[in-house]
Protein backbone atom coordinates (compact mmCIF):
# COMPACT_ATOMS: atom_id res chain seq x y z
CA UNK A 1 0.00 0.00 0.00
CA UNK A 2 1.12 3.54 -0.65
CA UNK A 3 -0.12 6.79 0.86
CA UNK A 4 0.89 10.42 0.91
CA UNK A 5 2.01 12.11 4.13
CA UNK A 6 -1.32 13.77 4.82
CA UNK A 7 -3.22 10.49 4.53
CA UNK A 8 -0.60 8.66 6.61
CA UNK A 9 -0.86 11.27 9.37
CA UNK A 10 -4.63 10.90 9.51
CA UNK A 11 -4.50 7.11 9.76
CA UNK A 12 -1.83 7.44 12.45
CA UNK A 13 -4.23 9.69 14.38
CA UNK A 14 -6.99 7.10 14.05
CA UNK A 15 -4.59 4.41 15.30
CA UNK A 16 -3.69 6.49 18.37
CA UNK A 17 -7.36 7.16 19.05
CA UNK A 18 -8.16 3.43 19.00
CA UNK A 19 -5.05 2.48 20.97
CA UNK A 20 -3.59 0.45 18.10
CA UNK A 21 -0.11 0.11 16.63
CA UNK A 22 0.56 1.91 13.35
CA UNK A 23 2.87 0.96 10.50
CA UNK A 24 3.78 4.12 8.59
CA UNK A 25 5.38 2.33 5.63
CA UNK A 26 2.23 0.40 4.74
CA UNK A 27 -0.27 2.84 6.29
CA UNK A 28 -2.14 0.28 8.38
CA UNK A 29 -3.20 0.23 12.04
CA UNK A 30 -3.35 -3.10 13.85
CA UNK A 31 -3.60 -4.65 17.29
CA UNK A 32 -5.79 -6.46 19.83
CA UNK A 33 -9.24 -5.19 20.74
CA UNK A 34 -11.70 -7.02 23.00
CA UNK A 35 -10.33 -10.46 22.16
CA UNK A 36 -9.98 -9.93 18.41
CA UNK A 37 -6.93 -9.12 16.29
CA UNK A 38 -7.98 -6.38 13.91
CA UNK A 39 -6.52 -4.05 11.34
CA UNK A 40 -7.64 -0.65 10.12
CA UNK A 41 -6.80 0.40 6.58
CA UNK A 42 -8.10 2.38 3.64
CA UNK A 43 -9.01 1.54 0.07
CA UNK A 44 -5.87 1.12 -2.04
CA UNK A 45 -6.75 2.35 -5.53
CA UNK A 46 -3.33 1.55 -6.98
CA UNK A 47 -2.56 5.28 -7.10
CA UNK A 48 -2.46 5.36 -3.30
CA UNK A 49 -4.69 4.84 -0.31
CA UNK A 50 -7.98 6.69 -0.51
CA UNK A 51 -8.47 8.44 2.78
CA UNK A 52 -12.27 8.59 2.72
CA UNK A 53 -12.63 4.81 2.91
CA UNK A 54 -11.86 3.25 6.31
CA UNK A 55 -12.18 -0.51 6.79
CA UNK A 56 -11.99 -2.53 10.01
CA UNK A 57 -11.02 -6.14 9.26
CA UNK A 58 -11.17 -8.96 11.82
CA UNK A 59 -9.92 -12.53 11.36
CA UNK A 60 -12.44 -15.12 12.55
CA UNK A 61 -12.18 -18.86 13.17
CA UNK A 62 -13.85 -21.51 11.00
CA UNK A 63 -16.77 -22.62 13.18
CA UNK A 64 -19.68 -22.74 10.76
CA UNK A 65 -20.95 -19.28 11.73
CA UNK A 66 -21.95 -16.92 8.91
CA UNK A 67 -22.57 -13.22 9.30
CA UNK A 68 -26.19 -12.24 8.58
CA UNK A 69 -26.98 -8.94 10.32
CA UNK A 70 -25.58 -6.39 7.87
CA UNK A 71 -28.87 -4.60 7.16
CA UNK A 72 -29.82 -4.28 10.84
CA UNK A 73 -26.33 -3.12 11.84
CA UNK A 74 -26.28 -0.43 9.16
CA UNK A 75 -29.71 0.72 10.28
CA UNK A 76 -28.51 1.16 13.86
CA UNK A 77 -25.17 2.75 12.89
CA UNK A 78 -25.68 5.41 10.20
CA UNK A 79 -21.99 5.99 9.55
CA UNK A 80 -21.41 2.40 8.43
CA UNK A 81 -21.50 1.58 4.73
CA UNK A 82 -21.61 -2.18 5.23
CA UNK A 83 -20.38 -5.30 6.99
CA UNK A 84 -19.39 -8.32 4.91
CA UNK A 85 -17.82 -11.70 5.56
CA UNK A 86 -15.23 -13.01 3.11
CA UNK A 87 -14.14 -16.51 4.14
CA UNK A 88 -12.30 -15.98 7.45
CA UNK A 89 -12.50 -12.19 7.47
CA UNK A 90 -15.36 -9.98 8.63
CA UNK A 91 -14.95 -6.42 7.38
CA UNK A 92 -16.79 -3.29 8.51
CA UNK A 93 -16.52 -0.35 6.09
CA UNK A 94 -17.32 3.24 7.01
CA UNK A 95 -19.00 5.67 4.67
CA UNK A 96 -16.69 8.19 3.01
CA UNK A 97 -15.81 11.10 5.27
CA UNK A 98 -12.93 13.56 4.95
CA UNK A 99 -12.97 14.94 8.51
CA UNK A 100 -10.93 12.76 10.84
CA UNK A 101 -12.97 13.87 13.88
CA UNK A 102 -16.13 12.57 12.19
CA UNK A 103 -14.46 9.22 11.52
CA UNK A 104 -13.22 8.99 15.11
CA UNK A 105 -16.73 9.67 16.40
CA UNK A 106 -18.20 6.91 14.25
CA UNK A 107 -15.50 4.45 15.30
CA UNK A 108 -15.99 5.27 18.98
CA UNK A 109 -19.64 4.30 18.68
CA UNK A 110 -19.61 1.51 16.10
CA UNK A 111 -16.39 -0.45 16.73
CA UNK A 112 -17.36 -1.77 20.20
CA UNK A 113 -20.82 -2.61 18.83
CA UNK A 114 -19.23 -4.40 15.87
CA UNK A 115 -17.01 -6.57 18.09
CA UNK A 116 -19.89 -7.25 20.52
CA UNK A 117 -22.04 -8.35 17.60
CA UNK A 118 -19.33 -10.76 16.41
CA UNK A 119 -19.18 -12.37 19.85
CA UNK A 120 -22.98 -12.60 20.10
CA UNK A 121 -23.10 -14.26 16.68
CA UNK A 122 -20.61 -16.88 17.88
CA UNK A 123 -17.47 -15.65 16.13
CA UNK A 124 -14.07 -16.15 17.74
CA UNK A 125 -10.66 -14.75 16.84
CA UNK A 126 -8.84 -16.76 14.17
CA UNK A 127 -6.36 -16.78 11.31
CA UNK A 128 -7.61 -15.08 8.15
CA UNK A 129 -5.89 -17.67 5.98
CA UNK A 130 -6.51 -21.09 7.56
CA UNK A 131 -9.48 -20.14 9.74
CA UNK A 132 -8.16 -21.93 12.83
CA UNK A 133 -8.72 -20.51 16.31
CA UNK A 134 -5.13 -19.55 17.09
CA UNK A 135 -3.16 -16.58 18.30
CA UNK A 136 -2.65 -14.27 15.33
CA UNK A 137 -0.53 -11.28 14.42
CA UNK A 138 -0.68 -8.65 11.69
CA UNK A 139 1.53 -9.16 8.65
CA UNK A 140 2.08 -7.56 5.26
CA UNK A 141 1.72 -10.10 2.47
CA UNK A 142 2.12 -9.27 -1.23
CA UNK A 143 0.63 -5.79 -0.98
CA UNK A 144 -2.03 -6.47 1.65
CA UNK A 145 -2.21 -6.43 5.44
CA UNK A 146 -3.59 -9.64 6.97
CA UNK A 147 -3.82 -11.30 10.40
CA UNK A 148 -2.09 -14.70 10.36
CA UNK A 149 -1.16 -17.48 12.75
CA UNK A 150 2.55 -18.35 12.96
CA UNK A 151 2.15 -21.51 10.84
CA UNK A 152 0.46 -19.65 7.98
CA UNK A 153 3.01 -16.84 8.17
CA UNK A 154 5.79 -19.42 7.72
CA UNK A 155 3.95 -20.93 4.74
CA UNK A 156 3.42 -17.64 2.93
CA UNK A 157 7.05 -16.69 3.59
CA UNK A 158 8.19 -19.92 1.93
CA UNK A 159 5.79 -19.37 -0.98
CA UNK A 160 7.07 -15.82 -1.44
CA UNK A 161 10.67 -17.03 -1.50
CA UNK A 162 9.76 -19.68 -4.08
CA UNK A 163 7.91 -17.08 -6.19
CA UNK A 164 10.85 -14.68 -6.11
CA UNK A 165 13.29 -17.44 -7.09
CA UNK A 166 11.00 -18.56 -9.90
CA UNK A 167 10.65 -15.02 -11.26
CA UNK A 168 14.42 -14.53 -11.22
CA UNK A 169 14.93 -17.78 -13.14
CA UNK A 170 12.41 -16.85 -15.82
CA UNK A 171 13.97 -15.75 -19.10
CA UNK A 172 12.49 -12.95 -21.14
CA UNK A 173 11.54 -13.81 -24.73
CA UNK A 174 11.79 -10.41 -26.39
CA UNK A 175 10.31 -11.40 -29.76
CA UNK A 176 7.51 -13.35 -28.13
CA UNK A 177 6.78 -10.37 -25.89
CA UNK A 178 6.62 -7.97 -28.85
CA UNK A 179 4.21 -10.29 -30.67
CA UNK A 180 2.09 -10.62 -27.52
CA UNK A 181 1.99 -6.86 -26.96
CA UNK A 182 1.07 -6.33 -30.63
CA UNK A 183 -1.80 -8.82 -30.40
CA UNK A 184 -2.96 -7.20 -27.18
CA UNK A 185 -2.79 -3.70 -28.66
CA UNK A 186 -4.94 -4.88 -31.59
CA UNK A 187 -7.64 -5.72 -29.06
CA UNK A 188 -7.17 -2.18 -27.76
CA UNK A 189 -7.66 -0.83 -31.29
CA UNK A 190 -10.87 -2.84 -31.56
CA UNK A 191 -12.15 -1.30 -28.31
CA UNK A 192 -11.37 2.25 -29.51
CA UNK A 193 -13.20 1.68 -32.80
CA UNK A 194 -16.15 -0.12 -31.22
CA UNK A 195 -16.70 2.50 -28.54
CA UNK A 196 -16.35 5.33 -31.05
CA UNK A 197 -18.86 3.73 -33.41
CA UNK A 198 -21.26 3.54 -30.48
CA UNK A 199 -20.74 7.26 -29.93
CA UNK A 200 -18.31 7.13 -26.99
CA UNK A 201 -14.71 8.13 -26.39
CA UNK A 202 -13.98 6.65 -22.98
CA UNK A 203 -11.05 6.09 -20.64
CA UNK A 204 -11.97 2.40 -20.56
CA UNK A 205 -10.47 2.08 -24.05
CA UNK A 206 -7.12 3.20 -22.59
CA UNK A 207 -7.42 0.64 -19.81
CA UNK A 208 -8.23 -2.11 -22.32
CA UNK A 209 -5.32 -1.08 -24.53
CA UNK A 210 -2.88 -1.07 -21.59
CA UNK A 211 -4.08 -4.29 -19.95
CA UNK A 212 -4.14 -6.25 -23.21
CA UNK A 213 -0.74 -4.99 -24.40
CA UNK A 214 1.00 -5.60 -21.06
CA UNK A 215 -0.66 -8.97 -20.51
CA UNK A 216 0.14 -10.01 -24.06
CA UNK A 217 3.81 -9.16 -23.53
CA UNK A 218 3.87 -11.06 -20.24
CA UNK A 219 2.14 -14.17 -21.63
CA UNK A 220 4.30 -14.58 -24.74
CA UNK A 221 7.42 -12.91 -23.37
CA UNK A 222 7.59 -14.99 -20.21
CA UNK A 223 7.83 -12.02 -17.83
CA UNK A 224 7.05 -8.32 -17.73
CA UNK A 225 10.18 -6.22 -17.30
CA UNK A 226 10.79 -2.47 -17.59
CA UNK A 227 11.94 -3.13 -21.14
CA UNK A 228 8.64 -4.87 -21.80
CA UNK A 229 6.68 -1.95 -20.37
CA UNK A 230 8.55 0.51 -22.63
CA UNK A 231 7.96 -1.64 -25.72
CA UNK A 232 4.30 -2.07 -24.81
CA UNK A 233 3.93 1.68 -24.22
CA UNK A 234 5.39 2.48 -27.66
CA UNK A 235 2.97 0.02 -29.27
CA UNK A 236 0.08 1.57 -27.33
CA UNK A 237 0.95 5.02 -28.70
CA UNK A 238 1.27 3.77 -32.29
CA UNK A 239 -1.81 1.56 -32.19
CA UNK A 240 -3.95 4.28 -30.62
CA UNK A 241 -3.19 6.42 -33.69
CA UNK A 242 -4.06 3.44 -35.90
CA UNK A 243 -7.31 2.89 -34.01
CA UNK A 244 -8.36 6.52 -34.42
CA UNK A 245 -7.54 6.46 -38.13
CA UNK A 246 -9.46 3.19 -38.62
CA UNK A 247 -12.43 4.87 -36.95
CA UNK A 248 -12.25 7.70 -39.51
CA UNK A 249 -11.81 5.15 -42.30
CA UNK A 250 -15.04 3.40 -41.31
CA UNK A 251 -16.93 6.71 -41.42
CA UNK A 252 -15.41 7.56 -44.82
CA UNK A 253 -16.21 4.11 -46.20
CA UNK A 254 -19.79 4.48 -45.02
CA UNK A 255 -20.20 7.92 -46.62
CA UNK A 256 -18.50 7.06 -49.93
CA UNK A 257 -19.85 3.49 -50.05
CA UNK A 258 -16.37 2.03 -50.44
CA UNK A 259 -14.22 -0.39 -48.44
CA UNK A 260 -12.47 0.47 -45.16
CA UNK A 261 -8.95 -0.05 -46.57
CA UNK A 262 -9.55 2.54 -49.28
CA UNK A 263 -11.12 4.84 -46.68
CA UNK A 264 -7.98 4.45 -44.53
CA UNK A 265 -5.76 5.56 -47.42
CA UNK A 266 -8.06 8.53 -48.15
CA UNK A 267 -7.67 10.13 -44.70
CA UNK A 268 -4.52 12.21 -45.52
CA UNK A 269 -6.01 13.36 -48.85
CA UNK A 270 -9.31 14.40 -47.28
CA UNK A 271 -7.42 16.30 -44.60
CA UNK A 272 -5.27 18.14 -47.16
CA UNK A 273 -8.37 19.01 -49.19
CA UNK A 274 -10.06 20.21 -45.97
CA UNK A 275 -12.97 17.84 -46.54
CA UNK A 276 -12.18 16.54 -43.06
CA UNK A 277 -11.78 19.47 -40.69
CA UNK A 278 -8.20 19.39 -39.40
CA UNK A 279 -9.17 20.94 -36.05
CA UNK A 280 -11.82 18.29 -35.41
CA UNK A 281 -9.43 15.54 -36.44
CA UNK A 282 -6.62 16.76 -34.18
CA UNK A 283 -8.93 17.40 -31.22
CA UNK A 284 -10.41 13.92 -31.51
CA UNK A 285 -6.93 12.38 -31.67
CA UNK A 286 -5.78 14.40 -28.65
CA UNK A 287 -8.86 13.26 -26.74
CA UNK A 288 -8.15 9.62 -27.57
CA UNK A 289 -4.54 9.99 -26.39
CA UNK A 290 -5.70 11.77 -23.24
CA UNK A 291 -7.94 8.84 -22.40
CA UNK A 292 -5.08 6.48 -23.19
CA UNK A 293 -2.99 8.26 -20.55
CA UNK A 294 -5.85 8.22 -18.04
CA UNK A 295 -6.28 4.49 -18.47
CA UNK A 296 -2.73 3.37 -19.19
CA UNK A 297 -0.69 5.21 -16.52
CA UNK A 298 -2.41 3.63 -13.48
CA UNK A 299 -2.50 0.26 -15.27
CA UNK A 300 1.26 0.36 -15.92
CA UNK A 301 1.92 1.58 -12.38
CA UNK A 302 -0.17 -1.24 -10.93
CA UNK A 303 1.57 -3.82 -13.12
CA UNK A 304 5.00 -2.71 -11.92
CA UNK A 305 3.83 -2.41 -8.31
CA UNK A 306 2.29 -5.89 -8.39
CA UNK A 307 5.59 -7.39 -9.47
CA UNK A 308 7.43 -5.41 -6.79
CA UNK A 309 5.20 -6.37 -3.84
CA UNK A 310 4.46 -9.97 -4.87
CA UNK A 311 7.44 -11.28 -2.92
CA UNK A 312 7.21 -8.81 -0.02
CA UNK A 313 6.40 -10.52 3.31
CA UNK A 314 6.96 -9.07 6.77
CA UNK A 315 5.43 -8.96 10.22
CA UNK A 316 3.99 -5.65 11.30
């Protein structure tokens, strides 16, 4: 997880208010509260932790109990967005607030009620991974905070070491990666054209272009390196231009009742003859590239971050 200083300071204040430990590097509060090991964190968007979202996560033991009182709990506690159970984790999420005093007030009222409700429902403290009723501690595993027993912590540490060794031993197939990125970028071109024909120019086309190009490089190249990201980015830029021109070609072919390939070749001529307005053409292209940046930058950042944190394991 990543967070700016302002967000980190606010979560640190929440941790002090609740009497919990705080890890500044990963921006997570953790500790024991009324018999449960819990952690307090925000929503990690990939661009950093979003301060407005505060989640309280508790590891629970596997005892056949399932959480059912979400609607009633939200009705009684207006500041709570929801309570959900995901396997061996029960998570309470607050509504989005920017004022830390407001968040502290909600936590002061709702956190004891949340833990009391878990006990009344028959939940006991347990490991979030194996679900056994054991003593647990907070750990940072591959980009996420989690409460683990010592046995599970040892297992994930071994798995992380094996993953890191395997990644180091992988060899990059440059030609295969280029082919994969090219195939992926063609899917991105298809999304640009399809969305445009439907009357939309959306950031999702940039996300599709980035995800497909990067994943294509990784699948056929064996691994995604910085070199692979640069090659994929160049292909994204080139193929975005191609996608925009194909979109114009389809419109030309429709108007002149000809084929798309001929329409593609006509674009420069129609621009020079001012049949296609140059300003409209350039503005549309700039807009497509802007959406490519909006979608591609966080996607590339997340891809590099995922590789970086995949082998990161430590106790908090």
